[in-house]
């Protein structure tokens, strides 16, 4: 039985949505096609009508999630023009990012797995990280382009590092310490 273009597009979106959550929760290798299709409410056999392989799905999901991070960061900056860095820090270095890997930042959830891979997904993550450095470069302090780039790189590393470390420890007080300390250290307003 053939499905309409609309239904095909709807099913594809269901697969992408389910995979985006499952990949962030379990990693690319921690979830199979059958799991993704079940979460999408579709049959396993329908997968290959949409994607050539799980790797193709991982690439498309990665691109979409990385685009979403950049869009969200730009929205936060635009919404808080007087304190854009603080808005980003408060949004990112937060318990919701720590406690919800399936619904939060693709970088904090998958960066370790990506670092052990190669190919298109790794290149996509590299480009995405470079873009986030450029976004941060617009809002971090620094007298020169070089200084702002260095500060943006440090800020990005520290933001993601705080979240990754907070996820890794069982001690909630230590996790909170990572989050609070990093927000304070990275925000010039809070330092004064």
C-alpha atoms as a PDB file:
ATOM      1  CA  UNK A   1       0.000   0.000   0.000  1.00  0.00           C
ATOM      2  CA  UNK A   2       1.395   3.378  -1.019  1.00  0.00           C
ATOM      3  CA  UNK A   3       1.259   6.310   1.321  1.00  0.00           C
ATOM      4  CA  UNK A   4       0.663   9.893   0.302  1.00  0.00           C
ATOM      5  CA  UNK A   5       3.514  12.375   0.181  1.00  0.00           C
ATOM      6  CA  UNK A   6       2.084  14.066   3.241  1.00  0.00           C
ATOM      7  CA  UNK A   7       1.964  10.803   5.197  1.00  0.00           C
ATOM      8  CA  UNK A   8       5.472   9.910   3.993  1.00  0.00           C
ATOM      9  CA  UNK A   9       6.788  13.290   5.204  1.00  0.00           C
ATOM     10  CA  UNK A  10       4.918  12.892   8.497  1.00  0.00           C
ATOM     11  CA  UNK A  11       6.408   9.423   9.038  1.00  0.00           C
ATOM     12  CA  UNK A  12       9.896  10.674   8.199  1.00  0.00           C
ATOM     13  CA  UNK A  13       9.491  13.452  10.762  1.00  0.00           C
ATOM     14  CA  UNK A  14       8.343  10.912  13.367  1.00  0.00           C
ATOM     15  CA  UNK A  15      11.509   8.887  12.725  1.00  0.00           C
ATOM     16  CA  UNK A  16      13.732  11.970  12.991  1.00  0.00           C
ATOM     17  CA  UNK A  17      12.037  13.071  16.217  1.00  0.00           C
ATOM     18  CA  UNK A  18      12.274   9.653  17.844  1.00  0.00           C
ATOM     19  CA  UNK A  19      15.894   9.213  16.750  1.00  0.00           C
ATOM     20  CA  UNK A  20      16.878  12.668  18.010  1.00  0.00           C
ATOM     21  CA  UNK A  21      15.718  11.762  21.516  1.00  0.00           C
ATOM     22  CA  UNK A  22      17.024   8.188  21.529  1.00  0.00           C
ATOM     23  CA  UNK A  23      20.430   9.112  20.102  1.00  0.00           C
ATOM     24  CA  UNK A  24      20.913  11.814  22.755  1.00  0.00           C
ATOM     25  CA  UNK A  25      19.791   9.462  25.521  1.00  0.00           C
ATOM     26  CA  UNK A  26      21.688   6.335  24.419  1.00  0.00           C
ATOM     27  CA  UNK A  27      24.267   7.368  21.832  1.00  0.00           C
ATOM     28  CA  UNK A  28      24.347   6.394  18.174  1.00  0.00           C
ATOM     29  CA  UNK A  29      25.537   2.881  18.948  1.00  0.00           C
ATOM     30  CA  UNK A  30      23.217   2.433  21.927  1.00  0.00           C
ATOM     31  CA  UNK A  31      20.012   2.307  19.924  1.00  0.00           C
ATOM     32  CA  UNK A  32      18.959   0.212  16.951  1.00  0.00           C
ATOM     33  CA  UNK A  33      16.716   0.874  13.992  1.00  0.00           C
ATOM     34  CA  UNK A  34      13.991  -1.311  15.526  1.00  0.00           C
ATOM     35  CA  UNK A  35      14.039   0.817  18.707  1.00  0.00           C
ATOM     36  CA  UNK A  36      13.779   4.026  16.709  1.00  0.00           C
ATOM     37  CA  UNK A  37      10.918   2.766  14.581  1.00  0.00           C
ATOM     38  CA  UNK A  38       9.052   1.468  17.633  1.00  0.00           C
ATOM     39  CA  UNK A  39       9.444   4.856  19.346  1.00  0.00           C
ATOM     40  CA  UNK A  40       8.154   6.512  16.173  1.00  0.00           C
ATOM     41  CA  UNK A  41       5.137   4.173  16.143  1.00  0.00           C
ATOM     42  CA  UNK A  42       6.147   2.674  12.803  1.00  0.00           C
ATOM     43  CA  UNK A  43       7.173  -0.756  11.546  1.00  0.00           C
ATOM     44  CA  UNK A  44      10.844  -1.681  11.278  1.00  0.00           C
ATOM     45  CA  UNK A  45      10.545  -2.468   7.557  1.00  0.00           C
ATOM     46  CA  UNK A  46       9.507   1.083   6.722  1.00  0.00           C
ATOM     47  CA  UNK A  47      12.835   2.540   7.820  1.00  0.00           C
ATOM     48  CA  UNK A  48      14.684   1.897   4.571  1.00  0.00           C
ATOM     49  CA  UNK A  49      12.069   3.723   2.564  1.00  0.00           C
ATOM     50  CA  UNK A  50      13.224   6.864   4.363  1.00  0.00           C
ATOM     51  CA  UNK A  51      16.948   6.326   4.987  1.00  0.00           C
ATOM     52  CA  UNK A  52      19.668   4.220   3.415  1.00  0.00           C
ATOM     53  CA  UNK A  53      21.197   3.360   6.778  1.00  0.00           C
ATOM     54  CA  UNK A  54      21.260   4.255  10.443  1.00  0.00           C
ATOM     55  CA  UNK A  55      24.403   6.288   9.704  1.00  0.00           C
ATOM     56  CA  UNK A  56      22.419   8.401   7.222  1.00  0.00           C
ATOM     57  CA  UNK A  57      19.764   8.936   9.875  1.00  0.00           C
ATOM     58  CA  UNK A  58      22.419   9.876  12.447  1.00  0.00           C
ATOM     59  CA  UNK A  59      23.854  12.449  10.055  1.00  0.00           C
ATOM     60  CA  UNK A  60      20.491  14.039   9.308  1.00  0.00           C
ATOM     61  CA  UNK A  61      19.511  14.099  12.983  1.00  0.00           C
ATOM     62  CA  UNK A  62      22.878  15.631  13.895  1.00  0.00           C
ATOM     63  CA  UNK A  63      22.496  18.386  11.310  1.00  0.00           C
ATOM     64  CA  UNK A  64      18.990  19.240  12.474  1.00  0.00           C
ATOM     65  CA  UNK A  65      19.884  19.253  16.167  1.00  0.00           C
ATOM     66  CA  UNK A  66      22.987  21.366  15.606  1.00  0.00           C
ATOM     67  CA  UNK A  67      20.980  23.863  13.566  1.00  0.00           C
ATOM     68  CA  UNK A  68      18.446  23.978  16.402  1.00  0.00           C
ATOM     69  CA  UNK A  69      21.163  24.778  18.966  1.00  0.00           C
ATOM     70  CA  UNK A  70      22.454  27.670  16.858  1.00  0.00           C
ATOM     71  CA  UNK A  71      18.916  28.998  16.272  1.00  0.00           C
ATOM     72  CA  UNK A  72      18.087  28.775  19.972  1.00  0.00           C
ATOM     73  CA  UNK A  73      21.280  30.566  20.974  1.00  0.00           C
ATOM     74  CA  UNK A  74      20.604  33.361  18.493  1.00  0.00           C
ATOM     75  CA  UNK A  75      17.028  33.667  19.817  1.00  0.00           C
ATOM     76  CA  UNK A  76      18.312  33.950  23.382  1.00  0.00           C
ATOM     77  CA  UNK A  77      20.825  36.633  22.374  1.00  0.00           C
ATOM     78  CA  UNK A  78      18.163  38.615  20.519  1.00  0.00           C
ATOM     79  CA  UNK A  79      15.745  38.348  23.452  1.00  0.00           C
ATOM     80  CA  UNK A  80      18.305  39.687  25.945  1.00  0.00           C
ATOM     81  CA  UNK A  81      20.345  42.326  24.069  1.00  0.00           C
ATOM     82  CA  UNK A  82      21.532  43.940  27.322  1.00  0.00           C
ATOM     83  CA  UNK A  83      22.848  40.671  28.765  1.00  0.00           C
ATOM     84  CA  UNK A  84      23.173  38.120  25.953  1.00  0.00           C
ATOM     85  CA  UNK A  85      26.011  36.108  27.495  1.00  0.00           C
ATOM     86  CA  UNK A  86      24.182  35.815  30.801  1.00  0.00           C
ATOM     87  CA  UNK A  87      21.067  34.616  28.943  1.00  0.00           C
ATOM     88  CA  UNK A  88      23.075  31.899  27.178  1.00  0.00           C
ATOM     89  CA  UNK A  89      24.797  30.809  30.366  1.00  0.00           C
ATOM     90  CA  UNK A  90      21.546  30.677  32.344  1.00  0.00           C
ATOM     91  CA  UNK A  91      19.895  28.671  29.574  1.00  0.00           C
ATOM     92  CA  UNK A  92      22.680  26.192  28.959  1.00  0.00           C
ATOM     93  CA  UNK A  93      24.336  25.669  32.332  1.00  0.00           C
ATOM     94  CA  UNK A  94      21.132  24.521  33.947  1.00  0.00           C
ATOM     95  CA  UNK A  95      19.619  21.422  35.520  1.00  0.00           C
ATOM     96  CA  UNK A  96      17.262  20.874  32.556  1.00  0.00           C
ATOM     97  CA  UNK A  97      20.331  20.394  30.342  1.00  0.00           C
ATOM     98  CA  UNK A  98      21.872  18.032  32.867  1.00  0.00           C
ATOM     99  CA  UNK A  99      18.766  16.002  33.675  1.00  0.00           C
ATOM    100  CA  UNK A 100      17.285  15.671  30.189  1.00  0.00           C
ATOM    101  CA  UNK A 101      19.948  14.389  27.780  1.00  0.00           C
ATOM    102  CA  UNK A 102      17.251  13.289  25.319  1.00  0.00           C
ATOM    103  CA  UNK A 103      15.786  16.767  25.125  1.00  0.00           C
ATOM    104  CA  UNK A 104      18.824  18.961  25.512  1.00  0.00           C
ATOM    105  CA  UNK A 105      22.050  19.857  23.751  1.00  0.00           C
ATOM    106  CA  UNK A 106      23.249  17.397  21.143  1.00  0.00           C
ATOM    107  CA  UNK A 107      26.863  18.366  21.866  1.00  0.00           C
ATOM    108  CA  UNK A 108      26.758  17.614  25.593  1.00  0.00           C
ATOM    109  CA  UNK A 109      24.959  14.340  24.895  1.00  0.00           C
ATOM    110  CA  UNK A 110      26.973  12.968  21.982  1.00  0.00           C
ATOM    111  CA  UNK A 111      30.350  14.724  21.847  1.00  0.00           C
ATOM    112  CA  UNK A 112      32.280  11.877  23.459  1.00  0.00           C
ATOM    113  CA  UNK A 113      30.848   9.342  21.037  1.00  0.00           C
ATOM    114  CA  UNK A 114      31.495  11.638  18.080  1.00  0.00           C
ATOM    115  CA  UNK A 115      35.098  12.129  19.196  1.00  0.00           C
ATOM    116  CA  UNK A 116      35.675   8.410  18.639  1.00  0.00           C
ATOM    117  CA  UNK A 117      34.170   8.425  15.160  1.00  0.00           C
ATOM    118  CA  UNK A 118      35.082   9.786  11.784  1.00  0.00           C
ATOM    119  CA  UNK A 119      33.318  10.828   8.644  1.00  0.00           C
ATOM    120  CA  UNK A 120      30.347  13.046   7.942  1.00  0.00           C
ATOM    121  CA  UNK A 121      28.876  13.089  11.454  1.00  0.00           C
ATOM    122  CA  UNK A 122      32.187  14.146  12.965  1.00  0.00           C
ATOM    123  CA  UNK A 123      32.624  16.832  10.299  1.00  0.00           C
ATOM    124  CA  UNK A 124      29.100  18.076  11.015  1.00  0.00           C
ATOM    125  CA  UNK A 125      29.859  18.338  14.741  1.00  0.00           C
ATOM    126  CA  UNK A 126      33.123  20.152  13.986  1.00  0.00           C
ATOM    127  CA  UNK A 127      31.331  22.693  11.811  1.00  0.00           C
ATOM    128  CA  UNK A 128      28.628  23.104  14.452  1.00  0.00           C
ATOM    129  CA  UNK A 129      31.141  23.756  17.214  1.00  0.00           C
ATOM    130  CA  UNK A 130      32.918  26.298  15.042  1.00  0.00           C
ATOM    131  CA  UNK A 131      29.590  28.042  14.436  1.00  0.00           C
ATOM    132  CA  UNK A 132      28.875  28.169  18.174  1.00  0.00           C
ATOM    133  CA  UNK A 133      32.287  29.726  18.769  1.00  0.00           C
ATOM    134  CA  UNK A 134      31.335  32.378  16.207  1.00  0.00           C
ATOM    135  CA  UNK A 135      28.006  32.988  17.962  1.00  0.00           C
ATOM    136  CA  UNK A 136      29.742  33.352  21.320  1.00  0.00           C
ATOM    137  CA  UNK A 137      32.396  35.617  19.811  1.00  0.00           C
ATOM    138  CA  UNK A 138      29.623  38.175  19.291  1.00  0.00           C
ATOM    139  CA  UNK A 139      28.780  38.343  23.020  1.00  0.00           C
ATOM    140  CA  UNK A 140      31.929  37.598  25.032  1.00  0.00           C
ATOM    141  CA  UNK A 141      34.278  40.362  26.180  1.00  0.00           C
ATOM    142  CA  UNK A 142      37.521  41.079  24.374  1.00  0.00           C
ATOM    143  CA  UNK A 143      39.308  44.030  22.847  1.00  0.00           C
ATOM    144  CA  UNK A 144      40.413  42.254  19.676  1.00  0.00           C
ATOM    145  CA  UNK A 145      39.003  39.626  17.333  1.00  0.00           C
ATOM    146  CA  UNK A 146      41.660  37.187  18.509  1.00  0.00           C
ATOM    147  CA  UNK A 147      40.860  37.806  22.178  1.00  0.00           C
ATOM    148  CA  UNK A 148      37.100  37.402  21.593  1.00  0.00           C
ATOM    149  CA  UNK A 149      37.702  34.149  19.699  1.00  0.00           C
ATOM    150  CA  UNK A 150      39.853  32.822  22.552  1.00  0.00           C
ATOM    151  CA  UNK A 151      37.220  33.872  25.099  1.00  0.00           C
ATOM    152  CA  UNK A 152      34.460  32.301  23.004  1.00  0.00           C
ATOM    153  CA  UNK A 153      36.381  29.030  22.754  1.00  0.00           C
ATOM    154  CA  UNK A 154      37.015  28.996  26.503  1.00  0.00           C
ATOM    155  CA  UNK A 155      33.382  29.832  27.220  1.00  0.00           C
ATOM    156  CA  UNK A 156      32.052  27.083  24.957  1.00  0.00           C
ATOM    157  CA  UNK A 157      34.438  24.512  26.420  1.00  0.00           C
ATOM    158  CA  UNK A 158      33.535  25.521  29.949  1.00  0.00           C
ATOM    159  CA  UNK A 159      29.777  25.559  29.337  1.00  0.00           C
ATOM    160  CA  UNK A 160      29.752  22.089  27.843  1.00  0.00           C
ATOM    161  CA  UNK A 161      32.282  20.800  30.325  1.00  0.00           C
ATOM    162  CA  UNK A 162      30.180  21.912  33.291  1.00  0.00           C
ATOM    163  CA  UNK A 163      27.131  20.094  31.942  1.00  0.00           C
ATOM    164  CA  UNK A 164      29.065  16.934  31.073  1.00  0.00           C
ATOM    165  CA  UNK A 165      30.718  16.836  34.510  1.00  0.00           C
ATOM    166  CA  UNK A 166      27.415  17.498  36.300  1.00  0.00           C
ATOM    167  CA  UNK A 167      25.888  14.558  34.412  1.00  0.00           C
ATOM    168  CA  UNK A 168      28.809  12.304  35.313  1.00  0.00           C
ATOM    169  CA  UNK A 169      28.634  12.607  39.101  1.00  0.00           C
ATOM    170  CA  UNK A 170      26.064  11.083  41.450  1.00  0.00           C
ATOM    171  CA  UNK A 171      26.616  13.732  44.102  1.00  0.00           C
ATOM    172  CA  UNK A 172      23.964  16.370  43.390  1.00  0.00           C
ATOM    173  CA  UNK A 173      25.793  18.975  45.483  1.00  0.00           C
ATOM    174  CA  UNK A 174      28.981  18.515  43.466  1.00  0.00           C
ATOM    175  CA  UNK A 175      27.005  18.695  40.224  1.00  0.00           C
ATOM    176  CA  UNK A 176      25.378  21.932  41.408  1.00  0.00           C
ATOM    177  CA  UNK A 177      28.819  23.272  42.276  1.00  0.00           C
ATOM    178  CA  UNK A 178      29.978  22.659  38.693  1.00  0.00           C
ATOM    179  CA  UNK A 179      26.962  24.524  37.318  1.00  0.00           C
ATOM    180  CA  UNK A 180      26.921  27.490  39.699  1.00  0.00           C
ATOM    181  CA  UNK A 181      30.676  28.003  39.674  1.00  0.00           C
ATOM    182  CA  UNK A 182      30.911  27.915  35.906  1.00  0.00           C
ATOM    183  CA  UNK A 183      28.011  30.340  35.405  1.00  0.00           C
ATOM    184  CA  UNK A 184      29.637  32.747  37.843  1.00  0.00           C
ATOM    185  CA  UNK A 185      33.153  32.408  36.365  1.00  0.00           C
ATOM    186  CA  UNK A 186      32.011  32.887  32.772  1.00  0.00           C
ATOM    187  CA  UNK A 187      29.686  35.849  33.324  1.00  0.00           C
ATOM    188  CA  UNK A 188      31.518  39.187  33.719  1.00  0.00           C
ATOM    189  CA  UNK A 189      28.395  40.723  35.309  1.00  0.00           C
ATOM    190  CA  UNK A 190      28.323  38.115  38.080  1.00  0.00           C
ATOM    191  CA  UNK A 191      32.069  38.446  38.661  1.00  0.00           C
ATOM    192  CA  UNK A 192      31.772  42.098  39.661  1.00  0.00           C
END
